[in-house]
Amino acid sequence: MNEQTFMKLMQLLPKSALSTVVGMATRLPAPAPVHRMAMKAFAKAYNVDMEEAEHALERYPTFAEFFTRGLKPGLRPIDPGEKVVVSPVDGRVSQVGYSDQGRCLQAKGIEYTVDELLGDKEAAKPFHGGAWTTIYLSPRDYHRIHAPLGGTITGYAYIPGEFWPVNPASVKNKQSLFCVNERLVTYLDTVAGKCAVVKVGATCVSRIKAAYDEVITHTGKPGKVHKYDSGFQVEKGGELGRFEMGSTVILLFEPQRVIWDDSLKEEAEVRMGRRIGVIK
């Protein structure tokens, strides 16, 4: 199937309803033999490294718990460097750069604005001209999201939206893909200034859950922006949330605060906790 045919099919597919159904199915307990068979088939199909999983496969009572599994202690050491920015996730770099007057690159020939991404011009202003990167999480990856720097969680924004796939075909063809899909943005004050961690939903990403508050997306509730009075302290590498199925994370920093490592380039593989840049 070529990309144009795929995109036409996606246009017709009831993506939100499908994501709801898939999400409900993944959270339902199933008879043990059927459950184990489904998880084993998924792990084999996507080459999931179960040696890294916190528990043996049969210990997960639902597919959703298997998918959002933790890792064995010590597998993702956090770079302790005081000025080191670490990857918030396991994944692969889609794009990386410094926003030009608030514009970021989605794919060759396709740009979007930070204003569109955050859905709030005032919230977006601090990030115009700053470092940004987009990291794609495949189905085989570890699906928890962590803080790239220590600091204070100052608030969040839940932005309801569509459920387009975030695979390469969609990224290369769907205008402003990350700005039309559902998002959960976590705002932090860090030693590098303000930071936004944007978690982007996708087809069959039934929900995004925050780790610091009772926030769960795609439950029929309206969008919400919330600022904390005192905020929550989070250490570098501390958990911010998790995806129920795979998707994309976009990091945003203020201008002249973070410099990306030369190794952080398109298609580069990253691991949570490893260095991806430094504070200027």
C-alpha atoms as a PDB file:
ATOM      1  CA  MET A   1       0.000   0.000   0.000  1.00  0.00           C
ATOM      2  CA  ASN A   2       1.484   3.356  -0.984  1.00  0.00           C
ATOM      3  CA  GLU A   3       1.412   6.366   1.322  1.00  0.00           C
ATOM      4  CA  GLN A   4      -1.356   8.212  -0.524  1.00  0.00           C
ATOM      5  CA  THR A   5      -3.683   5.202  -0.359  1.00  0.00           C
ATOM      6  CA  PHE A   6      -2.857   4.772   3.324  1.00  0.00           C
ATOM      7  CA  MET A   7      -3.691   8.412   4.055  1.00  0.00           C
ATOM      8  CA  LYS A   8      -7.005   8.170   2.192  1.00  0.00           C
ATOM      9  CA  LEU A   9      -7.941   5.120   4.243  1.00  0.00           C
ATOM     10  CA  MET A  10      -6.977   6.915   7.447  1.00  0.00           C
ATOM     11  CA  GLN A  11      -9.183   9.830   6.419  1.00  0.00           C
ATOM     12  CA  LEU A  12     -12.186   7.479   6.282  1.00  0.00           C
ATOM     13  CA  LEU A  13     -11.353   5.448   9.380  1.00  0.00           C
ATOM     14  CA  PRO A  14     -13.287   6.398  12.565  1.00  0.00           C
ATOM     15  CA  LYS A  15     -10.004   6.858  14.439  1.00  0.00           C
ATOM     16  CA  SER A  16     -11.368   8.172  17.749  1.00  0.00           C
ATOM     17  CA  ALA A  17     -13.998   5.445  18.056  1.00  0.00           C
ATOM     18  CA  LEU A  18     -11.450   2.788  17.102  1.00  0.00           C
ATOM     19  CA  SER A  19      -9.019   4.087  19.721  1.00  0.00           C
ATOM     20  CA  THR A  20     -11.758   3.980  22.364  1.00  0.00           C
ATOM     21  CA  VAL A  21     -12.657   0.390  21.540  1.00  0.00           C
ATOM     22  CA  VAL A  22      -9.034  -0.748  21.446  1.00  0.00           C
ATOM     23  CA  GLY A  23      -8.358   0.977  24.751  1.00  0.00           C
ATOM     24  CA  MET A  24     -11.314  -0.691  26.454  1.00  0.00           C
ATOM     25  CA  ALA A  25     -10.232  -4.075  25.114  1.00  0.00           C
ATOM     26  CA  THR A  26      -6.668  -3.664  26.413  1.00  0.00           C
ATOM     27  CA  ARG A  27      -7.956  -2.931  29.926  1.00  0.00           C
ATOM     28  CA  LEU A  28     -10.252  -5.951  30.122  1.00  0.00           C
ATOM     29  CA  PRO A  29      -8.981  -9.027  31.982  1.00  0.00           C
ATOM     30  CA  ALA A  30      -8.995 -12.106  29.747  1.00  0.00           C
ATOM     31  CA  PRO A  31      -8.710 -15.846  30.483  1.00  0.00           C
ATOM     32  CA  ALA A  32      -5.072 -16.514  31.371  1.00  0.00           C
ATOM     33  CA  PRO A  33      -4.209 -18.706  28.356  1.00  0.00           C
ATOM     34  CA  VAL A  34      -5.765 -16.262  25.868  1.00  0.00           C
ATOM     35  CA  HIS A  35      -4.178 -13.318  27.631  1.00  0.00           C
ATOM     36  CA  ARG A  36      -0.692 -14.814  27.624  1.00  0.00           C
ATOM     37  CA  MET A  37      -1.047 -15.868  23.992  1.00  0.00           C
ATOM     38  CA  ALA A  38      -1.968 -12.326  22.906  1.00  0.00           C
ATOM     39  CA  MET A  39       0.909 -10.743  24.814  1.00  0.00           C
ATOM     40  CA  LYS A  40       3.418 -13.313  23.558  1.00  0.00           C
ATOM     41  CA  ALA A  41       2.245 -12.756  19.975  1.00  0.00           C
ATOM     42  CA  PHE A  42       2.599  -8.985  20.370  1.00  0.00           C
ATOM     43  CA  ALA A  43       6.037  -9.277  21.968  1.00  0.00           C
ATOM     44  CA  LYS A  44       7.221 -11.540  19.154  1.00  0.00           C
ATOM     45  CA  ALA A  45       5.710  -9.438  16.351  1.00  0.00           C
ATOM     46  CA  TYR A  46       7.288  -6.211  17.610  1.00  0.00           C
ATOM     47  CA  ASN A  47      10.484  -7.709  19.036  1.00  0.00           C
ATOM     48  CA  VAL A  48       9.768  -6.543  22.584  1.00  0.00           C
ATOM     49  CA  ASP A  49      12.699  -7.205  24.903  1.00  0.00           C
ATOM     50  CA  MET A  50      10.976  -8.910  27.821  1.00  0.00           C
ATOM     51  CA  GLU A  51      14.334  -9.312  29.569  1.00  0.00           C
ATOM     52  CA  GLU A  52      14.045  -5.614  30.421  1.00  0.00           C
ATOM     53  CA  ALA A  53      10.507  -5.848  31.804  1.00  0.00           C
ATOM     54  CA  GLU A  54       9.967  -5.362  35.523  1.00  0.00           C
ATOM     55  CA  HIS A  55       7.900  -8.559  35.732  1.00  0.00           C
ATOM     56  CA  ALA A  56       7.488 -11.804  33.810  1.00  0.00           C
ATOM     57  CA  LEU A  57       4.839 -11.660  31.098  1.00  0.00           C
ATOM     58  CA  GLU A  58       2.314 -13.771  33.035  1.00  0.00           C
ATOM     59  CA  ARG A  59       2.360 -11.251  35.902  1.00  0.00           C
ATOM     60  CA  TYR A  60       0.474  -8.608  33.862  1.00  0.00           C
ATOM     61  CA  PRO A  61      -3.298  -8.993  34.367  1.00  0.00           C
ATOM     62  CA  THR A  62      -4.280  -6.863  31.339  1.00  0.00           C
ATOM     63  CA  PHE A  63      -2.689  -5.965  28.027  1.00  0.00           C
ATOM     64  CA  ALA A  64      -2.647  -2.288  29.053  1.00  0.00           C
ATOM     65  CA  GLU A  65      -0.558  -3.087  32.139  1.00  0.00           C
ATOM     66  CA  PHE A  66       1.807  -5.146  29.998  1.00  0.00           C
ATOM     67  CA  PHE A  67       2.113  -2.307  27.498  1.00  0.00           C
ATOM     68  CA  THR A  68       2.827   0.328  30.166  1.00  0.00           C
ATOM     69  CA  ARG A  69       5.210  -2.009  32.005  1.00  0.00           C
ATOM     70  CA  GLY A  70       8.037  -0.678  34.116  1.00  0.00           C
ATOM     71  CA  LEU A  71      11.668  -1.675  33.685  1.00  0.00           C
ATOM     72  CA  LYS A  72      13.937  -3.636  35.974  1.00  0.00           C
ATOM     73  CA  PRO A  73      15.690  -1.321  38.453  1.00  0.00           C
ATOM     74  CA  GLY A  74      18.923   0.177  37.161  1.00  0.00           C
ATOM     75  CA  LEU A  75      18.342  -0.495  33.468  1.00  0.00           C
ATOM     76  CA  ARG A  76      18.045   3.186  32.595  1.00  0.00           C
ATOM     77  CA  PRO A  77      20.594   5.041  34.723  1.00  0.00           C
ATOM     78  CA  ILE A  78      20.050   8.804  34.672  1.00  0.00           C
ATOM     79  CA  ASP A  79      23.071  10.856  33.589  1.00  0.00           C
ATOM     80  CA  PRO A  80      23.898  12.812  36.758  1.00  0.00           C
ATOM     81  CA  GLY A  81      25.654  15.729  35.045  1.00  0.00           C
ATOM     82  CA  GLU A  82      24.408  19.008  36.516  1.00  0.00           C
ATOM     83  CA  LYS A  83      24.092  20.603  33.070  1.00  0.00           C
ATOM     84  CA  VAL A  84      23.086  17.460  31.179  1.00  0.00           C
ATOM     85  CA  VAL A  85      19.664  17.151  29.517  1.00  0.00           C
ATOM     86  CA  VAL A  86      18.500  13.528  29.254  1.00  0.00           C
ATOM     87  CA  SER A  87      16.073  11.802  26.939  1.00  0.00           C
ATOM     88  CA  PRO A  88      12.601  11.565  28.497  1.00  0.00           C
ATOM     89  CA  VAL A  89      11.788   8.322  26.674  1.00  0.00           C
ATOM     90  CA  ASP A  90      13.040   5.327  24.744  1.00  0.00           C
ATOM     91  CA  GLY A  91      12.485   5.976  21.051  1.00  0.00           C
ATOM     92  CA  ARG A  92      13.829   7.302  17.789  1.00  0.00           C
ATOM     93  CA  VAL A  93      14.397  10.951  16.861  1.00  0.00           C
ATOM     94  CA  SER A  94      12.000  12.162  14.189  1.00  0.00           C
ATOM     95  CA  GLN A  95      13.291  15.743  13.981  1.00  0.00           C
ATOM     96  CA  VAL A  96      15.471  18.052  16.063  1.00  0.00           C
ATOM     97  CA  GLY A  97      16.455  21.696  15.928  1.00  0.00           C
ATOM     98  CA  TYR A  98      15.867  25.233  17.177  1.00  0.00           C
ATOM     99  CA  SER A  99      12.535  26.853  16.376  1.00  0.00           C
ATOM    100  CA  ASP A 100      12.730  29.653  13.832  1.00  0.00           C
ATOM    101  CA  GLN A 101      10.358  32.356  15.086  1.00  0.00           C
ATOM    102  CA  GLY A 102       8.300  29.652  16.761  1.00  0.00           C
ATOM    103  CA  ARG A 103       8.255  27.277  13.785  1.00  0.00           C
ATOM    104  CA  CYS A 104       9.300  23.616  14.029  1.00  0.00           C
ATOM    105  CA  LEU A 105       9.908  21.020  11.340  1.00  0.00           C
ATOM    106  CA  GLN A 106       7.544  18.065  11.174  1.00  0.00           C
ATOM    107  CA  ALA A 107       9.005  16.537   8.004  1.00  0.00           C
ATOM    108  CA  LYS A 108      10.584  17.768   4.782  1.00  0.00           C
ATOM    109  CA  GLY A 109       8.306  20.527   3.448  1.00  0.00           C
ATOM    110  CA  ILE A 110       5.982  20.505   6.482  1.00  0.00           C
ATOM    111  CA  GLU A 111       6.272  22.917   9.401  1.00  0.00           C
ATOM    112  CA  TYR A 112       4.049  23.752  12.348  1.00  0.00           C
ATOM    113  CA  THR A 113       4.128  26.450  15.004  1.00  0.00           C
ATOM    114  CA  VAL A 114       4.693  26.143  18.720  1.00  0.00           C
ATOM    115  CA  ASP A 115       1.517  28.239  19.138  1.00  0.00           C
ATOM    116  CA  GLU A 116      -0.498  25.561  17.317  1.00  0.00           C
ATOM    117  CA  LEU A 117       1.167  22.741  19.203  1.00  0.00           C
ATOM    118  CA  LEU A 118       0.470  24.167  22.659  1.00  0.00           C
ATOM    119  CA  GLY A 119      -2.886  25.647  21.688  1.00  0.00           C
ATOM    120  CA  ASP A 120      -2.056  28.842  23.575  1.00  0.00           C
ATOM    121  CA  LYS A 121      -0.091  31.793  22.156  1.00  0.00           C
ATOM    122  CA  GLU A 122       0.887  33.145  25.572  1.00  0.00           C
ATOM    123  CA  ALA A 123       2.099  29.756  26.798  1.00  0.00           C
ATOM    124  CA  ALA A 124       4.041  29.315  23.549  1.00  0.00           C
ATOM    125  CA  LYS A 125       5.877  32.663  23.579  1.00  0.00           C
ATOM    126  CA  PRO A 126       8.722  31.558  25.892  1.00  0.00           C
ATOM    127  CA  PHE A 127       9.607  28.736  23.494  1.00  0.00           C
ATOM    128  CA  HIS A 128       9.952  30.773  20.298  1.00  0.00           C
ATOM    129  CA  GLY A 129      13.516  30.279  19.064  1.00  0.00           C
ATOM    130  CA  GLY A 130      14.291  27.547  21.576  1.00  0.00           C
ATOM    131  CA  ALA A 131      15.608  24.006  21.258  1.00  0.00           C
ATOM    132  CA  TRP A 132      13.057  21.338  20.384  1.00  0.00           C
ATOM    133  CA  THR A 133      13.058  17.674  19.422  1.00  0.00           C
ATOM    134  CA  THR A 134      10.441  15.119  18.397  1.00  0.00           C
ATOM    135  CA  ILE A 135      10.862  11.506  19.527  1.00  0.00           C
ATOM    136  CA  TYR A 136       8.739   8.642  18.189  1.00  0.00           C
ATOM    137  CA  LEU A 137       7.930   5.658  20.393  1.00  0.00           C
ATOM    138  CA  SER A 138       7.301   2.444  18.457  1.00  0.00           C
ATOM    139  CA  PRO A 139       5.054  -0.345  19.804  1.00  0.00           C
ATOM    140  CA  ARG A 140       8.115  -2.247  21.073  1.00  0.00           C
ATOM    141  CA  ASP A 141       9.393   0.615  23.222  1.00  0.00           C
ATOM    142  CA  TYR A 142       9.102   1.326  26.927  1.00  0.00           C
ATOM    143  CA  HIS A 143       6.106   3.680  27.165  1.00  0.00           C
ATOM    144  CA  ARG A 144       6.628   5.793  30.239  1.00  0.00           C
ATOM    145  CA  ILE A 145       7.663   9.445  29.939  1.00  0.00           C
ATOM    146  CA  HIS A 146      10.209  11.062  32.275  1.00  0.00           C
ATOM    147  CA  ALA A 147      11.564  14.501  33.112  1.00  0.00           C
ATOM    148  CA  PRO A 148      14.536  15.604  30.956  1.00  0.00           C
ATOM    149  CA  LEU A 149      15.725  17.838  33.830  1.00  0.00           C
ATOM    150  CA  GLY A 150      14.871  18.204  37.482  1.00  0.00           C
ATOM    151  CA  GLY A 151      12.590  21.031  38.515  1.00  0.00           C
ATOM    152  CA  THR A 152       9.012  21.951  39.349  1.00  0.00           C
ATOM    153  CA  ILE A 153       5.893  20.832  37.501  1.00  0.00           C
ATOM    154  CA  THR A 154       4.003  24.109  37.214  1.00  0.00           C
ATOM    155  CA  GLY A 155       0.914  22.957  35.324  1.00  0.00           C
ATOM    156  CA  TYR A 156      -0.536  21.044  32.423  1.00  0.00           C
ATOM    157  CA  ALA A 157      -2.806  21.440  29.430  1.00  0.00           C
ATOM    158  CA  TYR A 158      -5.068  18.728  28.080  1.00  0.00           C
ATOM    159  CA  ILE A 159      -5.942  19.451  24.452  1.00  0.00           C
ATOM    160  CA  PRO A 160      -8.530  17.078  22.929  1.00  0.00           C
ATOM    161  CA  GLY A 161      -8.076  16.326  19.249  1.00  0.00           C
ATOM    162  CA  GLU A 162      -7.948  13.738  16.519  1.00  0.00           C
ATOM    163  CA  PHE A 163      -6.237  10.348  16.448  1.00  0.00           C
ATOM    164  CA  TRP A 164      -4.164  10.223  13.294  1.00  0.00           C
ATOM    165  CA  PRO A 165      -1.335   7.684  13.225  1.00  0.00           C
ATOM    166  CA  VAL A 166       2.093   9.147  13.973  1.00  0.00           C
ATOM    167  CA  ASN A 167       3.983   6.682  11.775  1.00  0.00           C
ATOM    168  CA  PRO A 168       6.383   7.979   9.078  1.00  0.00           C
ATOM    169  CA  ALA A 169       3.707   7.969   6.361  1.00  0.00           C
ATOM    170  CA  SER A 170       1.445  10.260   8.390  1.00  0.00           C
ATOM    171  CA  VAL A 171       4.283  12.495   9.573  1.00  0.00           C
ATOM    172  CA  LYS A 172       5.361  13.076   5.960  1.00  0.00           C
ATOM    173  CA  ASN A 173       1.859  13.739   4.626  1.00  0.00           C
ATOM    174  CA  LYS A 174      -0.504  15.125   7.278  1.00  0.00           C
ATOM    175  CA  GLN A 175      -0.162  18.886   7.722  1.00  0.00           C
ATOM    176  CA  SER A 176       0.349  19.931  11.369  1.00  0.00           C
ATOM    177  CA  LEU A 177      -0.190  16.340  12.499  1.00  0.00           C
ATOM    178  CA  PHE A 178       1.035  16.936  16.047  1.00  0.00           C
ATOM    179  CA  CYS A 179      -1.195  19.994  16.356  1.00  0.00           C
ATOM    180  CA  VAL A 180      -4.453  18.266  15.412  1.00  0.00           C
ATOM    181  CA  ASN A 181      -3.990  15.086  17.455  1.00  0.00           C
ATOM    182  CA  GLU A 182      -4.888  14.897  21.126  1.00  0.00           C
ATOM    183  CA  ARG A 183      -2.159  16.212  23.450  1.00  0.00           C
ATOM    184  CA  LEU A 184      -1.231  16.360  27.106  1.00  0.00           C
ATOM    185  CA  VAL A 185       1.362  19.063  27.823  1.00  0.00           C
ATOM    186  CA  THR A 186       3.341  19.124  31.064  1.00  0.00           C
ATOM    187  CA  TYR A 187       5.015  22.426  31.929  1.00  0.00           C
ATOM    188  CA  LEU A 188       8.134  22.541  34.086  1.00  0.00           C
ATOM    189  CA  ASP A 189      10.441  25.168  35.547  1.00  0.00           C
ATOM    190  CA  THR A 190      13.967  23.766  35.390  1.00  0.00           C
ATOM    191  CA  VAL A 191      17.584  24.883  35.752  1.00  0.00           C
ATOM    192  CA  ALA A 192      17.383  25.579  31.988  1.00  0.00           C
ATOM    193  CA  GLY A 193      14.285  27.742  32.350  1.00  0.00           C
ATOM    194  CA  LYS A 194      10.845  26.745  31.159  1.00  0.00           C
ATOM    195  CA  CYS A 195      10.322  23.355  29.530  1.00  0.00           C
ATOM    196  CA  ALA A 196       7.273  21.793  27.900  1.00  0.00           C
ATOM    197  CA  VAL A 197       6.927  18.031  27.506  1.00  0.00           C
ATOM    198  CA  VAL A 198       4.237  17.434  24.887  1.00  0.00           C
ATOM    199  CA  LYS A 199       2.744  13.956  24.792  1.00  0.00           C
ATOM    200  CA  VAL A 200       0.914  13.387  21.496  1.00  0.00           C
ATOM    201  CA  GLY A 201      -1.874  10.827  21.083  1.00  0.00           C
ATOM    202  CA  ALA A 202      -2.387   8.685  17.971  1.00  0.00           C
ATOM    203  CA  THR A 203      -4.575   5.959  16.482  1.00  0.00           C
ATOM    204  CA  CYS A 204      -5.138   3.284  19.146  1.00  0.00           C
ATOM    205  CA  VAL A 205      -3.342   5.367  21.786  1.00  0.00           C
ATOM    206  CA  SER A 206      -6.417   5.104  23.923  1.00  0.00           C
ATOM    207  CA  ARG A 207      -5.220   7.249  26.804  1.00  0.00           C
ATOM    208  CA  ILE A 208      -2.343   9.315  28.128  1.00  0.00           C
ATOM    209  CA  LYS A 209      -2.005   9.280  31.912  1.00  0.00           C
ATOM    210  CA  ALA A 210      -0.136  11.780  34.067  1.00  0.00           C
ATOM    211  CA  ALA A 211       1.968  10.473  36.957  1.00  0.00           C
ATOM    212  CA  TYR A 212       1.772  13.667  39.055  1.00  0.00           C
ATOM    213  CA  ASP A 213      -2.008  14.188  39.124  1.00  0.00           C
ATOM    214  CA  GLU A 214      -5.308  12.462  38.351  1.00  0.00           C
ATOM    215  CA  VAL A 215      -5.193  13.375  34.661  1.00  0.00           C
ATOM    216  CA  ILE A 216      -6.278  10.860  32.026  1.00  0.00           C
ATOM    217  CA  THR A 217      -7.016  11.833  28.433  1.00  0.00           C
ATOM    218  CA  HIS A 218      -9.660  10.527  26.027  1.00  0.00           C
ATOM    219  CA  THR A 219     -12.348   9.956  28.643  1.00  0.00           C
ATOM    220  CA  GLY A 220     -14.943  12.304  27.136  1.00  0.00           C
ATOM    221  CA  LYS A 221     -13.958  15.277  29.287  1.00  0.00           C
ATOM    222  CA  PRO A 222     -13.348  18.731  27.764  1.00  0.00           C
ATOM    223  CA  GLY A 223      -9.922  20.282  27.384  1.00  0.00           C
ATOM    224  CA  LYS A 224      -8.382  21.801  30.473  1.00  0.00           C
ATOM    225  CA  VAL A 225      -5.500  24.105  31.380  1.00  0.00           C
ATOM    226  CA  HIS A 226      -4.361  23.996  34.990  1.00  0.00           C
ATOM    227  CA  LYS A 227      -1.637  25.906  36.836  1.00  0.00           C
ATOM    228  CA  TYR A 228      -0.459  24.728  40.246  1.00  0.00           C
ATOM    229  CA  ASP A 229      -0.057  27.202  43.105  1.00  0.00           C
ATOM    230  CA  SER A 230       3.169  25.655  44.361  1.00  0.00           C
ATOM    231  CA  GLY A 231       3.728  22.853  41.866  1.00  0.00           C
ATOM    232  CA  PHE A 232       5.307  19.438  42.277  1.00  0.00           C
ATOM    233  CA  GLN A 233       9.026  18.811  42.562  1.00  0.00           C
ATOM    234  CA  VAL A 234      10.394  16.244  40.134  1.00  0.00           C
ATOM    235  CA  GLU A 235      13.936  14.945  39.837  1.00  0.00           C
ATOM    236  CA  LYS A 236      15.700  14.414  36.539  1.00  0.00           C
ATOM    237  CA  GLY A 237      14.372  11.120  35.202  1.00  0.00           C
ATOM    238  CA  GLY A 238      11.279  11.251  37.419  1.00  0.00           C
ATOM    239  CA  GLU A 239       8.135   9.833  35.808  1.00  0.00           C
ATOM    240  CA  LEU A 240       5.726  12.323  34.225  1.00  0.00           C
ATOM    241  CA  GLY A 241       3.239   9.934  32.650  1.00  0.00           C
ATOM    242  CA  ARG A 242       2.676   7.048  30.286  1.00  0.00           C
ATOM    243  CA  PHE A 243       1.114   6.152  26.944  1.00  0.00           C
ATOM    244  CA  GLU A 244      -1.420   3.358  26.659  1.00  0.00           C
ATOM    245  CA  MET A 245      -0.045   2.279  23.248  1.00  0.00           C
ATOM    246  CA  GLY A 246       2.749   4.044  21.328  1.00  0.00           C
ATOM    247  CA  SER A 247       3.065   7.616  20.197  1.00  0.00           C
ATOM    248  CA  THR A 248       5.292  10.718  20.171  1.00  0.00           C
ATOM    249  CA  VAL A 249       6.873  13.143  22.636  1.00  0.00           C
ATOM    250  CA  ILE A 250       8.012  16.672  21.749  1.00  0.00           C
ATOM    251  CA  LEU A 251      10.392  18.595  24.030  1.00  0.00           C
ATOM    252  CA  LEU A 252      10.491  22.402  24.029  1.00  0.00           C
ATOM    253  CA  PHE A 253      12.957  24.724  25.759  1.00  0.00           C
ATOM    254  CA  GLU A 254      13.439  28.479  25.947  1.00  0.00           C
ATOM    255  CA  PRO A 255      15.892  30.088  23.497  1.00  0.00           C
ATOM    256  CA  GLN A 256      19.630  30.129  24.254  1.00  0.00           C
ATOM    257  CA  ARG A 257      19.243  27.667  27.122  1.00  0.00           C
ATOM    258  CA  VAL A 258      19.847  24.176  25.694  1.00  0.00           C
ATOM    259  CA  ILE A 259      22.262  22.934  23.034  1.00  0.00           C
ATOM    260  CA  TRP A 260      21.611  19.536  21.481  1.00  0.00           C
ATOM    261  CA  ASP A 261      24.430  17.011  21.168  1.00  0.00           C
ATOM    262  CA  ASP A 262      25.679  16.391  17.628  1.00  0.00           C
ATOM    263  CA  SER A 263      24.577  12.755  17.997  1.00  0.00           C
ATOM    264  CA  LEU A 264      20.942  13.848  18.382  1.00  0.00           C
ATOM    265  CA  LYS A 265      19.880  13.772  14.742  1.00  0.00           C
ATOM    266  CA  GLU A 266      17.100  12.382  12.579  1.00  0.00           C
ATOM    267  CA  GLU A 267      16.631   8.609  13.044  1.00  0.00           C
ATOM    268  CA  ALA A 268      18.997   8.478  16.042  1.00  0.00           C
ATOM    269  CA  GLU A 269      17.956   5.968  18.703  1.00  0.00           C
ATOM    270  CA  VAL A 270      17.638   7.346  22.233  1.00  0.00           C
ATOM    271  CA  ARG A 271      17.186   5.761  25.634  1.00  0.00           C
ATOM    272  CA  MET A 272      15.540   7.311  28.646  1.00  0.00           C
ATOM    273  CA  GLY A 273      18.085   8.849  31.002  1.00  0.00           C
ATOM    274  CA  ARG A 274      20.919   9.165  28.488  1.00  0.00           C
ATOM    275  CA  ARG A 275      22.420  12.510  27.601  1.00  0.00           C
ATOM    276  CA  ILE A 276      20.940  14.303  24.552  1.00  0.00           C
ATOM    277  CA  GLY A 277      22.091  17.858  25.209  1.00  0.00           C
ATOM    278  CA  VAL A 278      23.555  20.349  27.665  1.00  0.00           C
ATOM    279  CA  ILE A 279      22.466  23.530  29.364  1.00  0.00           C
ATOM    280  CA  LYS A 280      24.210  26.513  27.812  1.00  0.00           C
END
